[in-house]
PDB file of N, CA and C in Angstrom:
ATOM      1  N   MET A   1       0.758  -1.252  -0.491  1.00  0.00           N
ATOM      2  CA  MET A   1       0.189  -0.385  -0.102  1.00  0.00           C
ATOM      3  C   MET A   1       1.245   0.971   0.036  1.00  0.00           C
ATOM      4  N   LEU A   2       0.423   1.860  -0.914  1.00  0.00           N
ATOM      5  CA  LEU A   2       1.503   3.169  -0.878  1.00  0.00           C
ATOM      6  C   LEU A   2       0.447   4.363  -0.196  1.00  0.00           C
ATOM      7  N   THR A   3       1.458   5.032   0.849  1.00  0.00           N
ATOM      8  CA  THR A   3       0.471   5.786   1.817  1.00  0.00           C
ATOM      9  C   THR A   3       1.001   7.156   1.771  1.00  0.00           C
ATOM     10  N   GLY A   4       2.087   7.245   0.766  1.00  0.00           N
ATOM     11  CA  GLY A   4       2.472   9.074   1.079  1.00  0.00           C
ATOM     12  C   GLY A   4       1.962  10.199   0.075  1.00  0.00           C
ATOM     13  N   ASP A   5       2.182  11.432   0.021  1.00  0.00           N
ATOM     14  CA  ASP A   5       1.168  12.161  -0.730  1.00  0.00           C
ATOM     15  C   ASP A   5       1.248  11.785  -2.073  1.00  0.00           C
ATOM     16  N   GLY A   6       0.430  12.140  -2.472  1.00  0.00           N
ATOM     17  CA  GLY A   6      -0.044  12.166  -4.043  1.00  0.00           C
ATOM     18  C   GLY A   6      -0.640  10.510  -4.786  1.00  0.00           C
ATOM     19  N   HIS A   7      -0.800   9.554  -3.473  1.00  0.00           N
ATOM     20  CA  HIS A   7      -0.884   8.428  -3.921  1.00  0.00           C
ATOM     21  C   HIS A   7      -2.729   7.811  -4.124  1.00  0.00           C
ATOM     22  N   LEU A   8      -3.195   8.935  -3.011  1.00  0.00           N
ATOM     23  CA  LEU A   8      -4.646   8.394  -2.592  1.00  0.00           C
ATOM     24  C   LEU A   8      -5.322   8.722  -4.377  1.00  0.00           C
ATOM     25  N   GLY A   9      -6.165   7.722  -4.394  1.00  0.00           N
ATOM     26  CA  GLY A   9      -7.279   7.696  -4.954  1.00  0.00           C
ATOM     27  C   GLY A   9      -6.886   7.479  -6.560  1.00  0.00           C
ATOM     28  N   ARG A  10      -5.034   7.243  -6.670  1.00  0.00           N
ATOM     29  CA  ARG A  10      -4.589   7.110  -8.063  1.00  0.00           C
ATOM     30  C   ARG A  10      -4.921   5.186  -7.777  1.00  0.00           C
ATOM     31  N   ALA A  11      -4.543   4.866  -9.346  1.00  0.00           N
ATOM     32  CA  ALA A  11      -4.516   3.386  -9.462  1.00  0.00           C
ATOM     33  C   ALA A  11      -3.249   3.264 -10.551  1.00  0.00           C
ATOM     34  N   TYR A  12      -2.015   2.227 -10.493  1.00  0.00           N
ATOM     35  CA  TYR A  12      -1.373   2.038 -11.037  1.00  0.00           C
ATOM     36  C   TYR A  12      -1.186   0.564 -11.894  1.00  0.00           C
ATOM     37  N   ASP A  13      -0.890   0.281 -12.900  1.00  0.00           N
ATOM     38  CA  ASP A  13      -0.293  -0.703 -13.109  1.00  0.00           C
ATOM     39  C   ASP A  13       0.890  -0.819 -13.405  1.00  0.00           C
ATOM     40  N   PHE A  14       1.518  -1.577 -12.814  1.00  0.00           N
ATOM     41  CA  PHE A  14       3.080  -2.107 -12.315  1.00  0.00           C
ATOM     42  C   PHE A  14       3.147  -3.217 -13.039  1.00  0.00           C
ATOM     43  N   THR A  15       4.566  -2.571 -14.547  1.00  0.00           N
ATOM     44  CA  THR A  15       4.601  -3.730 -15.214  1.00  0.00           C
ATOM     45  C   THR A  15       6.238  -3.170 -15.152  1.00  0.00           C
ATOM     46  N   GLY A  16       6.754  -4.081 -15.511  1.00  0.00           N
ATOM     47  CA  GLY A  16       8.491  -4.553 -15.484  1.00  0.00           C
ATOM     48  C   GLY A  16       8.635  -4.257 -17.455  1.00  0.00           C
ATOM     49  N   PRO A  17      10.054  -4.221 -17.671  1.00  0.00           N
ATOM     50  CA  PRO A  17      10.172  -4.304 -18.654  1.00  0.00           C
ATOM     51  C   PRO A  17       9.660  -5.702 -19.766  1.00  0.00           C
ATOM     52  N   LEU A  18       9.541  -5.441 -20.872  1.00  0.00           N
ATOM     53  CA  LEU A  18       9.039  -6.857 -21.969  1.00  0.00           C
ATOM     54  C   LEU A  18       9.950  -7.498 -21.969  1.00  0.00           C
ATOM     55  N   TRP A  19       9.115  -9.059 -21.879  1.00  0.00           N
ATOM     56  CA  TRP A  19      10.298 -10.508 -22.094  1.00  0.00           C
ATOM     57  C   TRP A  19       9.228 -11.810 -22.739  1.00  0.00           C
ATOM     58  N   THR A  20       9.985 -12.255 -23.383  1.00  0.00           N
ATOM     59  CA  THR A  20       9.305 -13.395 -23.792  1.00  0.00           C
ATOM     60  C   THR A  20       9.724 -14.995 -22.912  1.00  0.00           C
ATOM     61  N   HIS A  21       9.026 -15.932 -23.422  1.00  0.00           N
ATOM     62  CA  HIS A  21       9.782 -17.193 -22.877  1.00  0.00           C
ATOM     63  C   HIS A  21      10.860 -17.899 -23.461  1.00  0.00           C
ATOM     64  N   PRO A  22      11.009 -17.554 -25.049  1.00  0.00           N
ATOM     65  CA  PRO A  22      12.160 -18.278 -24.854  1.00  0.00           C
ATOM     66  C   PRO A  22      13.154 -17.281 -24.389  1.00  0.00           C
ATOM     67  N   GLN A  23      13.623 -16.129 -24.080  1.00  0.00           N
ATOM     68  CA  GLN A  23      14.601 -15.487 -23.242  1.00  0.00           C
ATOM     69  C   GLN A  23      14.533 -15.802 -21.999  1.00  0.00           C
ATOM     70  N   VAL A  24      13.293 -16.278 -21.264  1.00  0.00           N
ATOM     71  CA  VAL A  24      13.716 -16.414 -20.014  1.00  0.00           C
ATOM     72  C   VAL A  24      14.070 -17.830 -19.973  1.00  0.00           C
ATOM     73  N   ALA A  25      13.741 -19.269 -20.994  1.00  0.00           N
ATOM     74  CA  ALA A  25      14.449 -19.894 -21.199  1.00  0.00           C
ATOM     75  C   ALA A  25      15.406 -20.107 -21.396  1.00  0.00           C
ATOM     76  N   GLU A  26      16.575 -19.216 -22.153  1.00  0.00           N
ATOM     77  CA  GLU A  26      18.172 -19.038 -21.913  1.00  0.00           C
ATOM     78  C   GLU A  26      18.440 -18.893 -20.932  1.00  0.00           C
ATOM     79  N   ALA A  27      17.763 -17.970 -20.408  1.00  0.00           N
ATOM     80  CA  ALA A  27      18.142 -17.784 -19.053  1.00  0.00           C
ATOM     81  C   ALA A  27      18.231 -18.854 -17.803  1.00  0.00           C
ATOM     82  N   LEU A  28      17.777 -18.942 -18.006  1.00  0.00           N
ATOM     83  CA  LEU A  28      17.291 -20.535 -17.214  1.00  0.00           C
ATOM     84  C   LEU A  28      18.196 -21.742 -17.553  1.00  0.00           C
ATOM     85  N   ASN A  29      18.342 -21.465 -18.839  1.00  0.00           N
ATOM     86  CA  ASN A  29      19.580 -22.798 -19.140  1.00  0.00           C
ATOM     87  C   ASN A  29      18.543 -24.163 -19.467  1.00  0.00           C
ATOM     88  N   VAL A  30      17.344 -23.774 -20.190  1.00  0.00           N
ATOM     89  CA  VAL A  30      16.590 -24.637 -20.444  1.00  0.00           C
ATOM     90  C   VAL A  30      15.952 -24.689 -21.763  1.00  0.00           C
ATOM     91  N   PRO A  31      15.840 -25.716 -22.292  1.00  0.00           N
ATOM     92  CA  PRO A  31      15.328 -25.610 -23.826  1.00  0.00           C
ATOM     93  C   PRO A  31      14.337 -25.083 -23.943  1.00  0.00           C
ATOM     94  N   TYR A  32      13.916 -23.907 -24.919  1.00  0.00           N
ATOM     95  CA  TYR A  32      12.447 -23.996 -25.140  1.00  0.00           C
ATOM     96  C   TYR A  32      11.563 -24.631 -26.333  1.00  0.00           C
ATOM     97  N   ARG A  33      10.731 -24.851 -26.304  1.00  0.00           N
ATOM     98  CA  ARG A  33       9.624 -25.424 -27.332  1.00  0.00           C
ATOM     99  C   ARG A  33       8.321 -24.773 -27.137  1.00  0.00           C
ATOM    100  N   GLU A  34       7.706 -24.604 -28.147  1.00  0.00           N
ATOM    101  CA  GLU A  34       6.353 -24.382 -27.860  1.00  0.00           C
ATOM    102  C   GLU A  34       5.216 -25.279 -27.951  1.00  0.00           C
ATOM    103  N   VAL A  35       4.326 -25.148 -27.168  1.00  0.00           N
ATOM    104  CA  VAL A  35       3.320 -26.417 -27.078  1.00  0.00           C
ATOM    105  C   VAL A  35       2.119 -26.159 -27.781  1.00  0.00           C
ATOM    106  N   PRO A  36       1.593 -26.839 -28.094  1.00  0.00           N
ATOM    107  CA  PRO A  36       0.467 -26.725 -28.837  1.00  0.00           C
ATOM    108  C   PRO A  36      -0.614 -26.245 -28.309  1.00  0.00           C
ATOM    109  N   ASP A  37      -1.705 -25.932 -28.620  1.00  0.00           N
ATOM    110  CA  ASP A  37      -2.808 -25.613 -27.949  1.00  0.00           C
ATOM    111  C   ASP A  37      -3.578 -26.874 -27.668  1.00  0.00           C
ATOM    112  N   ALA A  38      -4.375 -26.741 -26.786  1.00  0.00           N
ATOM    113  CA  ALA A  38      -4.958 -28.094 -26.272  1.00  0.00           C
ATOM    114  C   ALA A  38      -6.341 -28.358 -27.461  1.00  0.00           C
ATOM    115  N   GLY A  39      -7.079 -27.455 -28.122  1.00  0.00           N
ATOM    116  CA  GLY A  39      -7.673 -27.229 -28.696  1.00  0.00           C
ATOM    117  C   GLY A  39      -8.726 -25.938 -27.986  1.00  0.00           C
ATOM    118  N   PRO A  40      -9.979 -25.999 -28.864  1.00  0.00           N
ATOM    119  CA  PRO A  40     -10.933 -24.718 -28.626  1.00  0.00           C
ATOM    120  C   PRO A  40     -11.397 -24.645 -27.095  1.00  0.00           C
ATOM    121  N   GLY A  41     -10.968 -23.320 -26.871  1.00  0.00           N
ATOM    122  CA  GLY A  41     -11.436 -23.202 -25.368  1.00  0.00           C
ATOM    123  C   GLY A  41     -10.494 -22.002 -24.956  1.00  0.00           C
ATOM    124  N   PRO A  42     -11.335 -21.760 -23.629  1.00  0.00           N
ATOM    125  CA  PRO A  42     -10.809 -20.345 -23.243  1.00  0.00           C
ATOM    126  C   PRO A  42      -9.030 -20.247 -23.224  1.00  0.00           C
ATOM    127  N   MET A  43      -8.250 -21.069 -23.066  1.00  0.00           N
ATOM    128  CA  MET A  43      -6.706 -21.013 -22.672  1.00  0.00           C
ATOM    129  C   MET A  43      -6.291 -21.477 -24.475  1.00  0.00           C
ATOM    130  N   SER A  44      -7.330 -21.548 -24.969  1.00  0.00           N
ATOM    131  CA  SER A  44      -6.645 -21.721 -26.814  1.00  0.00           C
ATOM    132  C   SER A  44      -6.362 -20.435 -27.259  1.00  0.00           C
ATOM    133  N   TRP A  45      -7.478 -19.597 -26.426  1.00  0.00           N
ATOM    134  CA  TRP A  45      -7.501 -18.079 -27.007  1.00  0.00           C
ATOM    135  C   TRP A  45      -6.828 -17.433 -26.205  1.00  0.00           C
ATOM    136  N   ILE A  46      -6.772 -17.530 -25.033  1.00  0.00           N
ATOM    137  CA  ILE A  46      -5.383 -16.819 -24.128  1.00  0.00           C
ATOM    138  C   ILE A  46      -4.023 -16.843 -24.475  1.00  0.00           C
ATOM    139  N   ASN A  47      -4.035 -18.258 -25.103  1.00  0.00           N
ATOM    140  CA  ASN A  47      -2.278 -18.662 -25.798  1.00  0.00           C
ATOM    141  C   ASN A  47      -2.460 -17.688 -26.905  1.00  0.00           C
ATOM    142  N   ALA A  48      -3.204 -17.899 -28.037  1.00  0.00           N
ATOM    143  CA  ALA A  48      -3.292 -17.523 -29.071  1.00  0.00           C
ATOM    144  C   ALA A  48      -3.075 -15.571 -28.687  1.00  0.00           C
ATOM    145  N   GLN A  49      -3.677 -15.121 -27.953  1.00  0.00           N
ATOM    146  CA  GLN A  49      -3.242 -13.522 -27.667  1.00  0.00           C
ATOM    147  C   GLN A  49      -1.759 -13.294 -27.601  1.00  0.00           C
ATOM    148  N   VAL A  50      -1.371 -14.326 -26.124  1.00  0.00           N
ATOM    149  CA  VAL A  50      -0.407 -13.937 -25.957  1.00  0.00           C
ATOM    150  C   VAL A  50       0.871 -14.014 -27.091  1.00  0.00           C
ATOM    151  N   ARG A  51       0.390 -15.412 -27.691  1.00  0.00           N
ATOM    152  CA  ARG A  51       1.590 -15.304 -29.109  1.00  0.00           C
ATOM    153  C   ARG A  51       1.416 -13.967 -30.302  1.00  0.00           C
ATOM    154  N   ALA A  52       0.071 -13.642 -30.038  1.00  0.00           N
ATOM    155  CA  ALA A  52       0.023 -12.324 -31.003  1.00  0.00           C
ATOM    156  C   ALA A  52       0.770 -11.011 -30.535  1.00  0.00           C
ATOM    157  N   GLY A  53       0.934 -10.932 -29.168  1.00  0.00           N
ATOM    158  CA  GLY A  53       1.719  -9.960 -28.614  1.00  0.00           C
ATOM    159  C   GLY A  53       0.158  -9.020 -27.782  1.00  0.00           C
ATOM    160  N   ALA A  54      -0.915  -9.439 -27.983  1.00  0.00           N
ATOM    161  CA  ALA A  54      -1.883  -8.528 -27.707  1.00  0.00           C
ATOM    162  C   ALA A  54      -1.948  -8.330 -26.505  1.00  0.00           C
ATOM    163  N   LEU A  55      -1.330  -8.907 -25.434  1.00  0.00           N
ATOM    164  CA  LEU A  55      -1.805  -8.688 -24.076  1.00  0.00           C
ATOM    165  C   LEU A  55      -0.524  -7.792 -23.069  1.00  0.00           C
ATOM    166  N   GLU A  56       0.188  -7.468 -24.018  1.00  0.00           N
ATOM    167  CA  GLU A  56       1.519  -6.941 -23.988  1.00  0.00           C
ATOM    168  C   GLU A  56       1.567  -5.480 -23.742  1.00  0.00           C
ATOM    169  N   ARG A  57       1.841  -4.851 -22.283  1.00  0.00           N
ATOM    170  CA  ARG A  57       1.112  -3.511 -21.815  1.00  0.00           C
ATOM    171  C   ARG A  57       2.420  -3.273 -21.043  1.00  0.00           C
ATOM    172  N   GLN A  58       3.167  -1.717 -21.196  1.00  0.00           N
ATOM    173  CA  GLN A  58       4.348  -1.556 -20.386  1.00  0.00           C
ATOM    174  C   GLN A  58       3.518  -0.188 -19.707  1.00  0.00           C
ATOM    175  N   THR A  59       4.077  -0.097 -18.921  1.00  0.00           N
ATOM    176  CA  THR A  59       3.817   1.453 -17.793  1.00  0.00           C
ATOM    177  C   THR A  59       4.883   2.163 -17.336  1.00  0.00           C
ATOM    178  N   PRO A  60       4.773   3.021 -17.282  1.00  0.00           N
ATOM    179  CA  PRO A  60       6.042   3.843 -16.352  1.00  0.00           C
ATOM    180  C   PRO A  60       5.829   3.955 -14.611  1.00  0.00           C
ATOM    181  N   ASP A  61       4.448   3.513 -14.785  1.00  0.00           N
ATOM    182  CA  ASP A  61       4.110   3.170 -12.905  1.00  0.00           C
ATOM    183  C   ASP A  61       5.170   2.679 -11.784  1.00  0.00           C
ATOM    184  N   LEU A  62       5.454   1.506 -12.704  1.00  0.00           N
ATOM    185  CA  LEU A  62       6.258   1.074 -11.445  1.00  0.00           C
ATOM    186  C   LEU A  62       7.538   2.261 -11.159  1.00  0.00           C
ATOM    187  N   GLU A  63       8.502   2.147 -12.605  1.00  0.00           N
ATOM    188  CA  GLU A  63       9.298   3.289 -12.283  1.00  0.00           C
ATOM    189  C   GLU A  63       9.087   4.412 -11.725  1.00  0.00           C
ATOM    190  N   ARG A  64       8.311   4.863 -11.579  1.00  0.00           N
ATOM    191  CA  ARG A  64       7.844   6.293 -11.356  1.00  0.00           C
ATOM    192  C   ARG A  64       7.838   6.272  -9.447  1.00  0.00           C
ATOM    193  N   VAL A  65       7.239   5.482  -8.878  1.00  0.00           N
ATOM    194  CA  VAL A  65       7.088   4.807  -7.667  1.00  0.00           C
ATOM    195  C   VAL A  65       8.356   4.310  -7.197  1.00  0.00           C
ATOM    196  N   LEU A  66       9.163   3.471  -7.962  1.00  0.00           N
ATOM    197  CA  LEU A  66      10.388   2.812  -7.211  1.00  0.00           C
ATOM    198  C   LEU A  66      11.479   4.392  -7.291  1.00  0.00           C
ATOM    199  N   GLY A  67      11.209   5.141  -8.337  1.00  0.00           N
ATOM    200  CA  GLY A  67      12.263   6.473  -8.780  1.00  0.00           C
ATOM    201  C   GLY A  67      13.524   5.714  -8.988  1.00  0.00           C
ATOM    202  N   ARG A  68      13.373   4.367  -9.617  1.00  0.00           N
ATOM    203  CA  ARG A  68      14.216   3.822 -10.400  1.00  0.00           C
ATOM    204  C   ARG A  68      14.203   2.909 -11.381  1.00  0.00           C
ATOM    205  N   PRO A  69      14.752   2.301 -12.617  1.00  0.00           N
ATOM    206  CA  PRO A  69      14.620   1.387 -13.593  1.00  0.00           C
ATOM    207  C   PRO A  69      13.872   0.460 -12.657  1.00  0.00           C
ATOM    208  N   ALA A  70      12.747  -0.014 -13.273  1.00  0.00           N
ATOM    209  CA  ALA A  70      12.511  -1.680 -13.028  1.00  0.00           C
ATOM    210  C   ALA A  70      13.843  -2.915 -13.545  1.00  0.00           C
ATOM    211  N   GLU A  71      13.667  -4.040 -12.638  1.00  0.00           N
ATOM    212  CA  GLU A  71      14.682  -4.861 -13.131  1.00  0.00           C
ATOM    213  C   GLU A  71      13.827  -5.852 -14.031  1.00  0.00           C
ATOM    214  N   THR A  72      14.548  -6.270 -14.531  1.00  0.00           N
ATOM    215  CA  THR A  72      13.720  -7.097 -15.757  1.00  0.00           C
ATOM    216  C   THR A  72      13.781  -8.582 -15.245  1.00  0.00           C
ATOM    217  N   VAL A  73      13.133  -9.410 -16.103  1.00  0.00           N
ATOM    218  CA  VAL A  73      13.080 -10.649 -15.508  1.00  0.00           C
ATOM    219  C   VAL A  73      14.018 -11.424 -15.514  1.00  0.00           C
ATOM    220  N   ILE A  74      15.084 -11.420 -16.700  1.00  0.00           N
ATOM    221  CA  ILE A  74      16.328 -11.742 -17.177  1.00  0.00           C
ATOM    222  C   ILE A  74      17.161 -11.656 -15.812  1.00  0.00           C
ATOM    223  N   SER A  75      17.357 -10.147 -15.705  1.00  0.00           N
ATOM    224  CA  SER A  75      18.381  -9.651 -15.101  1.00  0.00           C
ATOM    225  C   SER A  75      18.274 -10.152 -13.769  1.00  0.00           C
ATOM    226  N   HIS A  76      16.812 -10.130 -13.191  1.00  0.00           N
ATOM    227  CA  HIS A  76      16.326 -11.007 -11.740  1.00  0.00           C
ATOM    228  C   HIS A  76      16.996 -12.298 -11.661  1.00  0.00           C
ATOM    229  N   LEU A  77      17.025 -13.361 -12.763  1.00  0.00           N
ATOM    230  CA  LEU A  77      17.438 -14.561 -12.523  1.00  0.00           C
ATOM    231  C   LEU A  77      18.790 -14.727 -12.390  1.00  0.00           C
ATOM    232  N   LEU A  78      19.560 -13.626 -13.435  1.00  0.00           N
ATOM    233  CA  LEU A  78      20.556 -14.233 -13.476  1.00  0.00           C
ATOM    234  C   LEU A  78      21.697 -13.708 -12.452  1.00  0.00           C
ATOM    235  N   ALA A  79      21.231 -12.807 -11.718  1.00  0.00           N
ATOM    236  CA  ALA A  79      21.681 -12.276 -10.536  1.00  0.00           C
ATOM    237  C   ALA A  79      21.290 -13.352  -9.135  1.00  0.00           C
ATOM    238  N   ARG A  80      20.848 -14.351  -9.233  1.00  0.00           N
ATOM    239  CA  ARG A  80      20.262 -15.175  -8.270  1.00  0.00           C
ATOM    240  C   ARG A  80      20.614 -16.722  -9.135  1.00  0.00           C
ATOM    241  N   PRO A  81      21.485 -17.238  -8.886  1.00  0.00           N
ATOM    242  CA  PRO A  81      22.303 -18.214  -9.516  1.00  0.00           C
ATOM    243  C   PRO A  81      21.056 -19.787  -9.018  1.00  0.00           C
ATOM    244  N   ALA A  82      21.045 -19.680  -7.549  1.00  0.00           N
ATOM    245  CA  ALA A  82      19.971 -20.699  -6.849  1.00  0.00           C
ATOM    246  C   ALA A  82      19.005 -20.850  -8.008  1.00  0.00           C
ATOM    247  N   CYS A  83      18.289 -19.965  -8.672  1.00  0.00           N
ATOM    248  CA  CYS A  83      16.895 -19.959  -9.875  1.00  0.00           C
ATOM    249  C   CYS A  83      17.456 -20.659 -10.769  1.00  0.00           C
ATOM    250  N   VAL A  84      18.970 -20.271 -11.481  1.00  0.00           N
ATOM    251  CA  VAL A  84      19.214 -21.138 -12.490  1.00  0.00           C
ATOM    252  C   VAL A  84      19.812 -22.657 -12.476  1.00  0.00           C
ATOM    253  N   ARG A  85      19.329 -23.461 -13.963  1.00  0.00           N
ATOM    254  CA  ARG A  85      19.460 -24.527 -13.675  1.00  0.00           C
ATOM    255  C   ARG A  85      20.901 -24.483 -13.951  1.00  0.00           C
ATOM    256  N   ALA A  86      22.186 -25.724 -13.937  1.00  0.00           N
ATOM    257  CA  ALA A  86      23.279 -25.912 -13.965  1.00  0.00           C
ATOM    258  C   ALA A  86      23.116 -26.298 -15.618  1.00  0.00           C
ATOM    259  N   SER A  87      24.079 -26.537 -16.611  1.00  0.00           N
ATOM    260  CA  SER A  87      23.782 -27.059 -17.759  1.00  0.00           C
ATOM    261  C   SER A  87      24.500 -28.188 -17.782  1.00  0.00           C
TER     262      SER A  87
END
């Protein structure tokens, strides 16, 4: 909860830098492979939207509140070797 001046009544959409599943797989040192949709249904629709980039959204809200650049998923993983599987 943000309690400082200027936050009352504000809504934030905290997002960080965009990333892809192949980039995360590479950072984790695991192979990436596309998994085919299971068939018609809500998950198939969501997966198609994700692949098309329709759900990508990036706002400056997180960086403004933090007062610094947001950390990327990749840099976060690489800075924590326990998260990354050895080759």
